[in-house]
C-alpha cells in the first residue's frame, strides 16, 4: 500500500498586489499593479536555503527556463520557476521542500 506524504512547505510568505494607478498618472509606462512580498527573518532564512537547494537541484537535473527578448526570441537557460497562489489581491509563496539527492 502506498500513501503520499503530506505537503511540507519550505517557507511561507504573504504576497499582495497593490494598486499603482497614482504612479501611472505620473508615468504612463508604469505598471498598473505592484507585487509586495512580506518575509520575516525566519522566513527569509528558509527562503534562502530553499533557493540554494533549488540551484543545486537545477544544476543536477539540467532544468531550464526561457528568457525572452521578444515574442518569439528567447534562449533556454538553466533555471527554475517559483510558483505562488493568489486569491483576489493577496496570496502566498509556499513552495515544497526540495528533495535531497538521497531522498530521490
C-alpha atoms as a PDB file:
ATOM      1  CA  UNK A   1       0.000   0.000   0.000  1.00  0.00           C
ATOM      2  CA  UNK A   2       1.309   3.460  -0.903  1.00  0.00           C
ATOM      3  CA  UNK A   3       0.496   6.676   0.902  1.00  0.00           C
ATOM      4  CA  UNK A   4       1.511  10.060  -0.404  1.00  0.00           C
ATOM      5  CA  UNK A   5       3.459  12.161   2.030  1.00  0.00           C
ATOM      6  CA  UNK A   6       1.743  15.332   3.211  1.00  0.00           C
ATOM      7  CA  UNK A   7       2.897  18.588   1.626  1.00  0.00           C
ATOM      8  CA  UNK A   8       5.677  20.288   3.542  1.00  0.00           C
ATOM      9  CA  UNK A   9       6.360  23.928   2.672  1.00  0.00           C
ATOM     10  CA  UNK A  10       9.987  25.070   2.690  1.00  0.00           C
ATOM     11  CA  UNK A  11       8.800  28.531   3.749  1.00  0.00           C
ATOM     12  CA  UNK A  12       5.658  30.626   3.577  1.00  0.00           C
ATOM     13  CA  UNK A  13       5.467  34.255   2.508  1.00  0.00           C
ATOM     14  CA  UNK A  14       2.449  36.510   2.089  1.00  0.00           C
ATOM     15  CA  UNK A  15       2.227  38.325  -1.244  1.00  0.00           C
ATOM     16  CA  UNK A  16      -0.023  41.227  -2.190  1.00  0.00           C
ATOM     17  CA  UNK A  17      -0.945  43.038  -5.385  1.00  0.00           C
ATOM     18  CA  UNK A  18      -1.007  46.771  -4.747  1.00  0.00           C
ATOM     19  CA  UNK A  19      -2.718  49.325  -6.959  1.00  0.00           C
ATOM     20  CA  UNK A  20      -0.213  51.563  -8.725  1.00  0.00           C
ATOM     21  CA  UNK A  21      -2.606  53.876 -10.612  1.00  0.00           C
ATOM     22  CA  UNK A  22      -1.222  57.011  -8.948  1.00  0.00           C
ATOM     23  CA  UNK A  23       2.213  56.285 -10.442  1.00  0.00           C
ATOM     24  CA  UNK A  24       0.603  55.629 -13.829  1.00  0.00           C
ATOM     25  CA  UNK A  25      -0.735  59.175 -13.832  1.00  0.00           C
ATOM     26  CA  UNK A  26       2.858  60.425 -13.425  1.00  0.00           C
ATOM     27  CA  UNK A  27       4.341  57.829 -15.796  1.00  0.00           C
ATOM     28  CA  UNK A  28       2.049  56.086 -18.312  1.00  0.00           C
ATOM     29  CA  UNK A  29       4.638  53.291 -18.712  1.00  0.00           C
ATOM     30  CA  UNK A  30       4.413  52.376 -15.001  1.00  0.00           C
ATOM     31  CA  UNK A  31       2.757  49.017 -14.275  1.00  0.00           C
ATOM     32  CA  UNK A  32      -0.867  49.107 -13.078  1.00  0.00           C
ATOM     33  CA  UNK A  33      -0.025  46.925 -10.070  1.00  0.00           C
ATOM     34  CA  UNK A  34       2.983  46.209  -7.854  1.00  0.00           C
ATOM     35  CA  UNK A  35       3.795  42.926  -6.121  1.00  0.00           C
ATOM     36  CA  UNK A  36       4.855  43.019  -2.460  1.00  0.00           C
ATOM     37  CA  UNK A  37       6.240  40.041  -0.520  1.00  0.00           C
ATOM     38  CA  UNK A  38       6.346  40.017   3.297  1.00  0.00           C
ATOM     39  CA  UNK A  39       9.176  37.992   4.836  1.00  0.00           C
ATOM     40  CA  UNK A  40      10.015  37.532   8.489  1.00  0.00           C
ATOM     41  CA  UNK A  41      13.697  36.982   9.279  1.00  0.00           C
ATOM     42  CA  UNK A  42      12.929  33.289   9.829  1.00  0.00           C
ATOM     43  CA  UNK A  43      11.036  33.004   6.529  1.00  0.00           C
ATOM     44  CA  UNK A  44      13.795  34.869   4.678  1.00  0.00           C
ATOM     45  CA  UNK A  45      16.421  32.432   6.014  1.00  0.00           C
ATOM     46  CA  UNK A  46      14.240  29.463   4.986  1.00  0.00           C
ATOM     47  CA  UNK A  47      13.727  31.056   1.555  1.00  0.00           C
ATOM     48  CA  UNK A  48      17.494  31.490   1.142  1.00  0.00           C
ATOM     49  CA  UNK A  49      18.006  27.805   1.970  1.00  0.00           C
ATOM     50  CA  UNK A  50      15.246  26.835  -0.491  1.00  0.00           C
ATOM     51  CA  UNK A  51      16.855  28.970  -3.230  1.00  0.00           C
ATOM     52  CA  UNK A  52      20.261  27.341  -2.623  1.00  0.00           C
ATOM     53  CA  UNK A  53      18.638  23.879  -2.712  1.00  0.00           C
ATOM     54  CA  UNK A  54      16.820  24.754  -5.968  1.00  0.00           C
ATOM     55  CA  UNK A  55      20.082  25.987  -7.518  1.00  0.00           C
ATOM     56  CA  UNK A  56      21.794  22.686  -6.658  1.00  0.00           C
ATOM     57  CA  UNK A  57      18.796  20.688  -7.931  1.00  0.00           C
ATOM     58  CA  UNK A  58      18.743  22.680 -11.188  1.00  0.00           C
ATOM     59  CA  UNK A  59      22.462  22.118 -11.747  1.00  0.00           C
ATOM     60  CA  UNK A  60      21.962  18.370 -11.166  1.00  0.00           C
ATOM     61  CA  UNK A  61      18.857  17.832 -13.308  1.00  0.00           C
ATOM     62  CA  UNK A  62      19.508  20.412 -16.033  1.00  0.00           C
ATOM     63  CA  UNK A  63      16.102  22.132 -15.908  1.00  0.00           C
ATOM     64  CA  UNK A  64      15.781  25.330 -17.932  1.00  0.00           C
ATOM     65  CA  UNK A  65      13.621  28.418 -18.271  1.00  0.00           C
ATOM     66  CA  UNK A  66      13.025  30.612 -21.302  1.00  0.00           C
ATOM     67  CA  UNK A  67      14.444  34.118 -21.194  1.00  0.00           C
ATOM     68  CA  UNK A  68      12.511  36.202 -23.707  1.00  0.00           C
ATOM     69  CA  UNK A  69      13.942  39.111 -25.657  1.00  0.00           C
ATOM     70  CA  UNK A  70      10.832  39.308 -27.863  1.00  0.00           C
ATOM     71  CA  UNK A  71       7.628  37.387 -28.596  1.00  0.00           C
ATOM     72  CA  UNK A  72       9.443  34.584 -30.460  1.00  0.00           C
ATOM     73  CA  UNK A  73      13.006  35.456 -29.499  1.00  0.00           C
ATOM     74  CA  UNK A  74      14.170  33.525 -26.448  1.00  0.00           C
ATOM     75  CA  UNK A  75      17.022  31.430 -25.139  1.00  0.00           C
ATOM     76  CA  UNK A  76      16.864  28.399 -22.849  1.00  0.00           C
ATOM     77  CA  UNK A  77      18.973  28.990 -19.769  1.00  0.00           C
ATOM     78  CA  UNK A  78      19.463  26.926 -16.596  1.00  0.00           C
ATOM     79  CA  UNK A  79      16.796  27.874 -14.067  1.00  0.00           C
ATOM     80  CA  UNK A  80      13.502  27.118 -12.348  1.00  0.00           C
ATOM     81  CA  UNK A  81      10.116  28.727 -11.783  1.00  0.00           C
ATOM     82  CA  UNK A  82       8.780  29.814  -8.407  1.00  0.00           C
ATOM     83  CA  UNK A  83       5.004  29.433  -8.177  1.00  0.00           C
ATOM     84  CA  UNK A  84       2.609  31.155  -5.805  1.00  0.00           C
ATOM     85  CA  UNK A  85      -1.129  31.221  -5.199  1.00  0.00           C
ATOM     86  CA  UNK A  86      -3.383  34.274  -5.368  1.00  0.00           C
ATOM     87  CA  UNK A  87      -6.893  34.897  -4.071  1.00  0.00           C
ATOM     88  CA  UNK A  88      -8.103  38.249  -5.379  1.00  0.00           C
ATOM     89  CA  UNK A  89      -5.241  40.615  -4.445  1.00  0.00           C
ATOM     90  CA  UNK A  90      -3.363  38.560  -1.865  1.00  0.00           C
ATOM     91  CA  UNK A  91      -1.805  35.131  -1.692  1.00  0.00           C
ATOM     92  CA  UNK A  92       1.276  33.156  -0.720  1.00  0.00           C
ATOM     93  CA  UNK A  93       4.536  31.726  -1.918  1.00  0.00           C
ATOM     94  CA  UNK A  94       4.913  28.408  -0.131  1.00  0.00           C
ATOM     95  CA  UNK A  95       6.974  26.063  -2.301  1.00  0.00           C
ATOM     96  CA  UNK A  96       7.601  22.491  -1.266  1.00  0.00           C
ATOM     97  CA  UNK A  97      10.827  21.384   0.328  1.00  0.00           C
ATOM     98  CA  UNK A  98      13.431  20.363  -2.250  1.00  0.00           C
ATOM     99  CA  UNK A  99      14.075  16.617  -2.134  1.00  0.00           C
ATOM    100  CA  UNK A 100      17.704  15.899  -1.483  1.00  0.00           C
ATOM    101  CA  UNK A 101      19.574  13.545  -3.807  1.00  0.00           C
ATOM    102  CA  UNK A 102      19.464  10.684  -1.275  1.00  0.00           C
ATOM    103  CA  UNK A 103      15.657  11.037  -0.993  1.00  0.00           C
ATOM    104  CA  UNK A 104      15.008  10.550  -4.707  1.00  0.00           C
END
